Amino acid sequence: MKLNEIEQAMLAGKQGVARQYAMEQIVRVGEFFDAEDCVEVSQVHIMADPEAVGEQGIHFLEELALLPEHERNVQVPTITDPRGVDFAAYERLGQSEIHRDLEKRLISAFETFGIMMTNTCINYQTIMPPVLGQHLAFGDTGSSIYANSVQGARTNFEGGPSALAAAMTGRTARYGLHLDRHRRGTRAFGFSFQARDLSDWGAMGALIGQEMTSYWDVPVISGIEGAPTSDELKQFGAALASFGSTPLFHMVDVTPEAPDPTSAFDGAPPDPHIFSREDMISFLKCFWPSDDRLDVVAFAGPQLSLWELRDLSGLLSGQKIDPSVTLLAATSPEIKSAADRMGFTETIEGAGGIVLEGVCFYQMYAREIGEANGWKRLMSNSAKLVNILGGYGYEPVLAPMEVCVESAIAGRVLGDPK
């Protein structure tokens, strides 16, 4: 890799051991991907919950935090993904003091570096939304695919160490989606039907994700009627990234790099793979139970916007959730504050739900809290969440928010995959 004078100085340790470690990490990643050089980034989003980082990772961060301030501080605005513990709710969820203490240690170390504890995966909706052409180092897959696709910014999926390295140096290796040639469409898709709700948008993203064969696949979607909302594109992209490990999509006449099919492909587009409503129903049947048992309803993955919390509040107004079912709704600290002010939190919790702040369900030691509470059957309107939670020992069910709420009130799974 070609390094400029500043990067060479960091690599040689002239700016301290923390930035030396960071440049070593960047060079290792860059050489693996045949990067020619580095690119400066304007912001970093770190995915580093304590369950993923672990005791050894936290100890490593605490060692770096002991360095002098001028050596350890981040060089660009750096924010965080959801945490693993909501300190106001962890005891109710059966999380242990060990979980709480690991979270406090990790937060303390991050704050020492000058990292802002935003604790959100919907930073693109709430905090410093990226803009067209901006180079980033984002960790969360849902944040990355939204920034790349909807906002036209440029980032790869950055693991925790790589994102920390980018924060400490203000740059990352120039490979993958930082390069024009990797942002052109490779596959064409369409739908013979239109989505009816957010769970449909997630399922549509999942259908395409299942067709992906490589990180380098870039799907181009045509035939979407009207302009999807931010929440619809959020669910679509999060599911596509979850099922396909895909960091970028183009939606013709919707996303900024696809004003038409030819532009998205740099030439004549291939014939699209068209999904039917029957394909959607077959997919939903994979996440439908053989009985109506229900333990927990979770709205998370990604965190809810203020509008989603408003809808949830409306569905629960004047209702009571069955005592046998736990209903959780996760959102960012900023949205939680607004929901408190507007009365949405009071309505949801008055019905028996729990509004969680700064966390996401699958990053909250989901297996452990499931075992602590005897949770097995889970409903959600997030295709990303149901995809992940099967690996945590749950039997996930995908359904629209309205059906999830009706089921929570009834104490059993209602509806059908059609």
Protein backbone atom coordinates (compact mmCIF):
# COMPACT_ATOMS: atom_id res chain seq x y z
CA MET A 1 0.00 0.00 0.00
CA LYS A 2 1.08 3.54 -0.73
CA LEU A 3 1.07 5.57 2.48
CA ASN A 4 1.47 9.34 2.67
CA GLU A 5 3.80 11.04 5.14
CA ILE A 6 1.18 11.26 7.89
CA GLU A 7 0.26 7.59 7.53
CA GLN A 8 3.92 6.55 7.47
CA ALA A 9 4.52 8.53 10.66
CA MET A 10 1.60 6.83 12.39
CA LEU A 11 2.80 3.41 11.24
CA ALA A 12 6.28 4.16 12.57
CA GLY A 13 4.86 5.03 16.00
CA LYS A 14 5.68 8.74 15.82
CA GLN A 15 2.12 9.59 16.96
CA GLY A 16 2.01 7.00 19.74
CA VAL A 17 1.34 3.29 20.05
CA ALA A 18 -2.46 3.58 19.67
CA ARG A 19 -2.24 5.14 16.21
CA GLN A 20 0.59 2.78 15.33
CA TYR A 21 -1.67 -0.17 16.18
CA ALA A 22 -4.46 1.44 14.15
CA MET A 23 -2.31 1.90 11.01
CA GLU A 24 -1.01 -1.65 11.31
CA GLN A 25 -4.62 -2.86 11.34
CA ILE A 26 -5.52 -0.72 8.31
CA VAL A 27 -2.51 -1.96 6.34
CA ARG A 28 -3.29 -5.61 7.15
CA VAL A 29 -6.87 -5.21 5.92
CA GLY A 30 -5.79 -3.17 2.92
CA GLU A 31 -3.18 -5.68 1.81
CA PHE A 32 -5.68 -8.51 2.16
CA PHE A 33 -8.04 -6.68 -0.23
CA ASP A 34 -5.26 -5.39 -2.54
CA ALA A 35 -5.95 -1.76 -1.64
CA GLU A 36 -3.59 0.69 -3.32
CA ASP A 37 -3.78 3.31 -0.60
CA CYS A 38 -5.96 4.82 2.12
CA VAL A 39 -8.96 7.13 1.90
CA GLU A 40 -9.83 9.75 4.51
CA VAL A 41 -13.19 9.22 6.24
CA SER A 42 -15.43 11.89 7.69
CA GLN A 43 -17.16 9.80 10.37
CA VAL A 44 -17.00 6.37 12.02
CA HIS A 45 -19.72 4.13 13.46
CA ILE A 46 -18.42 1.38 15.75
CA MET A 47 -20.31 -1.85 16.34
CA ALA A 48 -18.85 -3.09 19.64
CA ASP A 49 -21.37 -4.35 22.18
CA PRO A 50 -19.86 -6.18 25.19
CA GLU A 51 -21.20 -9.58 24.09
CA ALA A 52 -19.16 -9.29 20.88
CA VAL A 53 -16.11 -7.59 22.42
CA GLY A 54 -15.82 -9.89 25.42
CA GLU A 55 -13.65 -9.61 28.52
CA GLN A 56 -10.35 -9.69 26.59
CA GLY A 57 -11.50 -7.03 24.13
CA ILE A 58 -12.61 -4.74 26.95
CA HIS A 59 -9.27 -5.25 28.69
CA PHE A 60 -7.47 -4.28 25.45
CA LEU A 61 -9.52 -1.07 25.20
CA GLU A 62 -8.86 -0.26 28.86
CA GLU A 63 -5.12 -0.60 28.23
CA LEU A 64 -5.34 1.85 25.31
CA ALA A 65 -7.39 4.21 27.50
CA LEU A 66 -4.40 4.56 29.85
CA LEU A 67 -2.35 6.27 27.13
CA PRO A 68 -1.95 10.07 27.07
CA GLU A 69 -4.99 11.90 25.69
CA HIS A 70 -3.20 13.26 22.60
CA GLU A 71 -2.27 9.69 21.60
CA ARG A 72 -5.60 7.98 22.11
CA ASN A 73 -8.28 10.50 21.04
CA VAL A 74 -10.26 9.78 17.89
CA GLN A 75 -9.53 11.97 14.87
CA VAL A 76 -13.03 12.18 13.34
CA PRO A 77 -16.58 12.13 14.76
CA THR A 78 -17.08 8.60 16.07
CA ILE A 79 -20.37 7.13 17.30
CA THR A 80 -21.57 3.78 18.58
CA ASP A 81 -24.01 1.02 17.69
CA PRO A 82 -26.62 -0.20 20.22
CA ARG A 83 -25.34 -1.40 23.57
CA GLY A 84 -25.95 -4.73 25.24
CA VAL A 85 -27.55 -3.40 28.43
CA ASP A 86 -30.23 -0.82 29.12
CA PHE A 87 -29.40 0.10 32.73
CA ALA A 88 -33.01 1.06 33.41
CA ALA A 89 -34.37 -2.34 32.33
CA TYR A 90 -31.66 -4.98 32.64
CA GLU A 91 -32.94 -6.46 35.92
CA ARG A 92 -36.49 -6.84 34.52
CA LEU A 93 -35.03 -8.73 31.56
CA GLY A 94 -33.02 -11.14 33.66
CA GLN A 95 -29.60 -9.78 32.73
CA SER A 96 -26.88 -10.25 35.32
CA GLU A 97 -24.68 -7.84 37.22
CA ILE A 98 -21.79 -9.26 35.19
CA HIS A 99 -23.46 -8.05 31.99
CA ARG A 100 -24.05 -4.63 33.55
CA ASP A 101 -20.47 -4.28 34.77
CA LEU A 102 -18.94 -5.29 31.43
CA GLU A 103 -21.13 -2.68 29.74
CA LYS A 104 -20.05 0.05 32.16
CA ARG A 105 -16.37 -0.78 31.63
CA LEU A 106 -16.73 -0.70 27.84
CA ILE A 107 -18.58 2.62 27.91
CA SER A 108 -15.94 4.13 30.19
CA ALA A 109 -13.13 3.09 27.84
CA PHE A 110 -14.92 4.40 24.75
CA GLU A 111 -15.62 7.74 26.38
CA THR A 112 -11.93 8.09 27.20
CA PHE A 113 -11.17 8.01 23.45
CA GLY A 114 -13.66 10.81 22.77
CA ILE A 115 -16.19 8.42 21.22
CA MET A 116 -19.78 9.66 21.45
CA MET A 117 -22.06 7.03 23.00
CA THR A 118 -24.98 7.44 20.61
CA ASN A 119 -25.94 3.75 21.00
CA THR A 120 -27.94 3.48 17.80
CA CYS A 121 -28.08 1.53 14.54
CA ILE A 122 -30.34 4.17 12.96
CA ASN A 123 -27.71 6.92 13.11
CA TYR A 124 -28.55 7.71 9.48
CA GLN A 125 -32.05 8.75 10.60
CA THR A 126 -31.07 10.64 13.73
CA ILE A 127 -27.38 11.64 13.96
CA MET A 128 -25.12 13.09 11.25
CA PRO A 129 -26.83 11.54 8.21
CA PRO A 130 -24.21 10.81 5.53
CA VAL A 131 -24.37 12.54 2.15
CA LEU A 132 -23.68 11.54 -1.44
CA GLY A 133 -20.05 10.61 -2.07
CA GLN A 134 -18.95 10.88 1.57
CA HIS A 135 -16.39 8.26 2.67
CA LEU A 136 -17.22 6.54 5.97
CA ALA A 137 -16.17 3.65 8.18
CA PHE A 138 -19.45 2.11 9.37
CA GLY A 139 -19.75 -1.14 11.29
CA ASP A 140 -23.42 -2.09 11.58
CA THR A 141 -24.65 -3.84 8.43
CA GLY A 142 -28.00 -2.04 8.45
CA SER A 143 -26.33 1.35 8.88
CA SER A 144 -23.80 0.56 6.15
CA ILE A 145 -26.26 -0.59 3.52
CA TYR A 146 -28.53 2.40 4.15
CA ALA A 147 -25.62 4.86 3.95
CA ASN A 148 -24.28 3.25 0.76
CA SER A 149 -27.58 2.74 -1.00
CA VAL A 150 -30.08 5.38 0.09
CA GLN A 151 -27.63 8.20 0.84
CA GLY A 152 -24.95 7.38 -1.71
CA ALA A 153 -22.10 7.51 0.80
CA ARG A 154 -19.23 5.01 0.68
CA THR A 155 -18.31 2.41 3.27
CA ASN A 156 -17.50 -1.26 3.61
CA PHE A 157 -18.67 -3.39 6.51
CA GLU A 158 -16.05 -2.44 9.12
CA GLY A 159 -15.47 -4.86 11.98
CA GLY A 160 -14.91 -3.41 15.45
CA PRO A 161 -11.07 -3.32 15.27
CA SER A 162 -11.13 -1.80 11.78
CA ALA A 163 -13.69 0.84 12.77
CA LEU A 164 -11.62 1.75 15.85
CA ALA A 165 -8.53 2.00 13.65
CA ALA A 166 -10.37 4.33 11.28
CA ALA A 167 -11.49 6.47 14.22
CA MET A 168 -7.95 6.80 15.54
CA THR A 169 -6.43 7.67 12.16
CA GLY A 170 -9.27 9.33 10.23
CA ARG A 171 -8.85 6.94 7.32
CA THR A 172 -9.40 3.41 6.12
CA ALA A 173 -8.12 1.19 3.32
CA ARG A 174 -9.42 2.21 -0.11
CA TYR A 175 -11.05 -0.98 -1.42
CA GLY A 176 -14.51 -2.35 -2.12
CA LEU A 177 -17.29 0.20 -2.06
CA HIS A 178 -14.93 3.15 -1.79
CA LEU A 179 -14.16 2.46 -5.47
CA ASP A 180 -16.50 3.30 -8.37
CA ARG A 181 -16.00 -0.05 -10.09
CA HIS A 182 -17.44 -2.00 -7.16
CA ARG A 183 -20.58 0.15 -6.97
CA ARG A 184 -22.03 -0.84 -10.33
CA GLY A 185 -24.95 -3.25 -10.46
CA THR A 186 -24.30 -6.96 -11.02
CA ARG A 187 -27.77 -8.55 -10.62
CA ALA A 188 -31.27 -7.37 -11.62
CA PHE A 189 -34.46 -8.01 -9.63
CA GLY A 190 -38.09 -6.97 -9.61
CA PHE A 191 -41.40 -7.76 -7.90
CA SER A 192 -44.79 -8.50 -9.41
CA PHE A 193 -46.46 -7.10 -6.27
CA GLN A 194 -46.08 -4.13 -3.96
CA ALA A 195 -45.28 -4.19 -0.25
CA ARG A 196 -48.17 -3.61 2.15
CA ASP A 197 -46.27 -2.96 5.39
CA LEU A 198 -42.79 -2.86 6.90
CA SER A 199 -42.60 -6.63 7.35
CA ASP A 200 -43.25 -7.01 3.61
CA TRP A 201 -40.37 -4.64 2.85
CA GLY A 202 -38.11 -6.73 5.06
CA ALA A 203 -39.26 -9.95 3.41
CA MET A 204 -38.58 -8.46 -0.03
CA GLY A 205 -35.05 -7.60 1.06
CA ALA A 206 -34.63 -11.12 2.41
CA LEU A 207 -35.78 -12.71 -0.87
CA ILE A 208 -33.09 -10.83 -2.75
CA GLY A 209 -30.53 -11.49 -0.02
CA GLN A 210 -31.04 -15.22 -0.38
CA GLU A 211 -30.03 -14.91 -4.05
CA MET A 212 -26.71 -13.21 -3.30
CA THR A 213 -23.58 -15.31 -3.82
CA SER A 214 -20.87 -12.82 -2.86
CA TYR A 215 -20.14 -9.65 -0.89
CA TRP A 216 -19.41 -8.10 -4.28
CA ASP A 217 -22.91 -8.73 -5.66
CA VAL A 218 -24.80 -5.44 -6.16
CA PRO A 219 -28.53 -5.97 -6.76
CA VAL A 220 -30.53 -3.47 -8.80
CA ILE A 221 -34.27 -3.41 -8.11
CA SER A 222 -36.79 -2.07 -10.63
CA GLY A 223 -40.54 -1.63 -10.64
CA ILE A 224 -41.07 -0.13 -7.18
CA GLU A 225 -44.08 2.16 -7.32
CA GLY A 226 -43.82 5.56 -5.69
CA ALA A 227 -41.17 6.73 -3.25
CA PRO A 228 -40.56 4.36 -0.31
CA THR A 229 -40.28 5.94 3.13
CA SER A 230 -37.10 5.96 5.18
CA ASP A 231 -38.50 3.23 7.45
CA GLU A 232 -39.44 1.05 4.47
CA LEU A 233 -35.96 1.34 2.99
CA LYS A 234 -34.52 0.76 6.46
CA GLN A 235 -36.30 -2.59 6.82
CA PHE A 236 -35.56 -3.58 3.21
CA GLY A 237 -31.85 -2.84 3.48
CA ALA A 238 -31.40 -4.35 6.94
CA ALA A 239 -32.93 -7.64 5.78
CA LEU A 240 -30.96 -7.66 2.53
CA ALA A 241 -27.73 -7.14 4.44
CA SER A 242 -28.67 -9.82 7.00
CA PHE A 243 -29.70 -12.52 4.53
CA GLY A 244 -27.16 -11.67 1.84
CA SER A 245 -24.16 -10.07 3.59
CA THR A 246 -24.78 -7.34 1.02
CA PRO A 247 -23.57 -3.76 1.65
CA LEU A 248 -25.14 -1.98 -1.34
CA PHE A 249 -28.27 -2.04 -3.49
CA HIS A 250 -29.66 0.27 -6.13
CA MET A 251 -33.37 0.93 -6.52
CA VAL A 252 -34.19 2.47 -9.88
CA ASP A 253 -35.60 5.99 -9.66
CA VAL A 254 -35.31 5.86 -5.85
CA THR A 255 -31.65 5.71 -4.77
CA PRO A 256 -29.19 8.38 -5.95
CA GLU A 257 -26.89 6.20 -8.06
CA ALA A 258 -29.73 4.60 -10.03
CA PRO A 259 -31.72 7.28 -11.89
CA ASP A 260 -32.30 4.62 -14.56
CA PRO A 261 -31.24 0.97 -15.12
CA THR A 262 -28.49 1.85 -17.58
CA SER A 263 -26.78 4.17 -15.09
CA ALA A 264 -26.94 1.55 -12.35
CA PHE A 265 -25.27 -1.07 -14.56
CA ASP A 266 -23.02 1.13 -16.69
CA GLY A 267 -24.70 -0.38 -19.72
CA ALA A 268 -27.65 -2.49 -20.80
CA PRO A 269 -29.18 -4.19 -17.73
CA PRO A 270 -29.62 -7.98 -17.64
CA ASP A 271 -33.07 -9.55 -17.56
CA PRO A 272 -34.40 -9.26 -13.98
CA HIS A 273 -35.36 -12.07 -11.66
CA ILE A 274 -39.01 -11.33 -10.81
CA PHE A 275 -40.39 -12.38 -7.43
CA SER A 276 -44.10 -13.14 -7.09
CA ARG A 277 -46.48 -12.92 -4.15
CA GLU A 278 -46.25 -16.72 -4.00
CA ASP A 279 -42.51 -16.41 -3.45
CA MET A 280 -43.24 -14.06 -0.57
CA ILE A 281 -45.75 -16.46 1.00
CA SER A 282 -43.30 -19.36 0.71
CA PHE A 283 -40.69 -17.27 2.50
CA LEU A 284 -43.10 -16.27 5.28
CA LYS A 285 -44.09 -19.90 5.81
CA CYS A 286 -40.47 -20.58 6.79
CA PHE A 287 -41.08 -18.29 9.77
CA TRP A 288 -44.53 -19.53 10.77
CA PRO A 289 -45.14 -21.89 13.68
CA SER A 290 -47.05 -25.13 13.89
CA ASP A 291 -48.85 -23.99 17.08
CA ASP A 292 -49.92 -20.66 18.58
CA ARG A 293 -47.61 -20.45 21.60
CA LEU A 294 -46.16 -16.96 22.12
CA ASP A 295 -43.57 -15.79 24.66
CA VAL A 296 -42.15 -12.49 23.51
CA VAL A 297 -42.79 -9.82 20.87
CA ALA A 298 -39.74 -7.74 19.91
CA PHE A 299 -39.64 -4.63 17.74
CA ALA A 300 -35.95 -4.10 17.09
CA GLY A 301 -33.22 -4.83 14.57
CA PRO A 302 -33.21 -2.03 13.41
CA GLN A 303 -34.24 0.26 16.23
CA LEU A 304 -37.62 1.96 15.84
CA SER A 305 -38.05 5.46 14.47
CA LEU A 306 -40.32 7.98 16.17
CA TRP A 307 -43.01 7.25 13.58
CA GLU A 308 -42.84 3.51 14.27
CA LEU A 309 -43.20 4.16 18.00
CA ARG A 310 -46.14 6.43 17.23
CA ASP A 311 -47.79 3.57 15.29
CA LEU A 312 -47.07 1.09 18.09
CA SER A 313 -48.51 3.50 20.64
CA GLY A 314 -51.66 3.85 18.56
CA LEU A 315 -52.11 0.08 18.31
CA LEU A 316 -51.70 -0.34 22.09
CA SER A 317 -53.81 2.63 23.16
CA GLY A 318 -56.49 1.44 25.57
CA GLN A 319 -55.24 -2.17 25.34
CA LYS A 320 -53.54 -4.59 27.73
CA ILE A 321 -50.87 -7.08 26.74
CA ASP A 322 -51.52 -10.60 27.98
CA PRO A 323 -49.44 -11.20 31.16
CA SER A 324 -47.92 -14.33 29.62
CA VAL A 325 -46.30 -12.29 26.82
CA THR A 326 -43.46 -9.74 27.01
CA LEU A 327 -43.48 -6.93 24.43
CA LEU A 328 -40.24 -5.04 23.85
CA ALA A 329 -39.62 -2.01 21.63
CA ALA A 330 -36.02 -0.84 21.18
CA THR A 331 -35.07 2.64 20.03
CA SER A 332 -32.23 5.15 20.21
CA PRO A 333 -31.71 7.52 23.15
CA GLU A 334 -32.72 10.52 21.00
CA ILE A 335 -35.94 8.88 19.80
CA LYS A 336 -36.69 7.58 23.31
CA SER A 337 -36.51 11.13 24.66
CA ALA A 338 -38.91 12.34 21.97
CA ALA A 339 -41.26 9.39 22.57
CA ASP A 340 -41.29 10.22 26.29
CA ARG A 341 -42.13 13.84 25.54
CA MET A 342 -44.93 12.96 23.12
CA GLY A 343 -46.55 10.36 25.37
CA PHE A 344 -45.79 7.31 23.21
CA THR A 345 -43.67 5.65 25.89
CA GLU A 346 -46.36 6.13 28.51
CA THR A 347 -49.00 4.54 26.27
CA ILE A 348 -46.84 1.56 25.32
CA GLU A 349 -45.74 0.87 28.88
CA GLY A 350 -49.24 1.55 30.21
CA ALA A 351 -50.37 -1.36 28.05
CA GLY A 352 -47.68 -3.57 29.59
CA GLY A 353 -44.87 -3.13 27.05
CA ILE A 354 -41.27 -2.11 27.69
CA VAL A 355 -39.54 0.62 25.68
CA LEU A 356 -35.80 -0.03 25.65
CA GLU A 357 -33.27 2.76 25.14
CA GLY A 358 -29.97 2.48 23.28
CA VAL A 359 -30.01 -1.29 22.82
CA CYS A 360 -31.09 -3.86 20.24
CA PHE A 361 -32.55 -7.22 21.13
CA TYR A 362 -30.02 -9.52 19.47
CA GLN A 363 -27.09 -7.60 21.01
CA MET A 364 -28.48 -7.94 24.54
CA TYR A 365 -27.27 -11.44 25.35
CA ALA A 366 -30.42 -12.69 23.64
CA ARG A 367 -29.73 -16.35 24.39
CA GLU A 368 -29.15 -15.70 28.09
CA ILE A 369 -32.23 -13.53 28.60
CA GLY A 370 -34.30 -16.05 26.65
CA GLU A 371 -33.18 -18.81 28.99
CA ALA A 372 -33.69 -16.61 32.07
CA ASN A 373 -37.28 -15.84 31.09
CA GLY A 374 -38.24 -19.12 29.43
CA TRP A 375 -38.71 -17.38 26.06
CA LYS A 376 -38.77 -19.57 22.99
CA ARG A 377 -41.44 -18.34 20.56
CA LEU A 378 -40.79 -14.79 19.39
CA MET A 379 -42.75 -12.55 17.01
CA SER A 380 -41.39 -9.51 15.19
CA ASN A 381 -42.05 -7.43 12.10
CA SER A 382 -38.30 -7.32 11.39
CA ALA A 383 -37.01 -9.85 8.84
CA LYS A 384 -33.46 -9.12 10.00
CA LEU A 385 -34.32 -9.93 13.59
CA VAL A 386 -36.07 -13.22 12.87
CA ASN A 387 -33.15 -14.26 10.66
CA ILE A 388 -30.64 -13.70 13.45
CA LEU A 389 -32.60 -15.05 16.41
CA GLY A 390 -32.98 -18.56 15.07
CA GLY A 391 -29.29 -18.90 15.90
CA TYR A 392 -29.95 -17.85 19.49
CA GLY A 393 -32.36 -20.67 20.23
CA TYR A 394 -35.62 -18.88 19.41
CA GLU A 395 -38.50 -19.97 17.18
CA PRO A 396 -39.05 -16.66 15.35
CA VAL A 397 -42.27 -15.59 13.61
CA LEU A 398 -42.36 -12.76 11.04
CA ALA A 399 -45.60 -10.76 10.87
CA PRO A 400 -46.80 -7.17 10.44
CA MET A 401 -46.66 -4.91 13.51
CA GLU A 402 -50.45 -4.92 13.77
CA VAL A 403 -50.58 -8.74 13.90
CA CYS A 404 -47.72 -8.85 16.41
CA VAL A 405 -49.59 -6.46 18.70
CA GLU A 406 -52.89 -8.31 18.34
CA SER A 407 -51.07 -11.54 19.21
CA ALA A 408 -49.43 -9.97 22.27
CA ILE A 409 -52.85 -8.84 23.49
CA ALA A 410 -54.39 -12.25 22.82
CA GLY A 411 -51.47 -14.13 24.37
CA ARG A 412 -51.02 -16.37 21.32
CA VAL A 413 -49.90 -16.21 17.71
CA LEU A 414 -52.67 -14.92 15.47
CA GLY A 415 -52.93 -14.54 11.71
CA ASP A 416 -51.32 -16.57 8.93
CA PRO A 417 -48.41 -16.15 6.48
CA LYS A 418 -50.73 -14.88 3.74
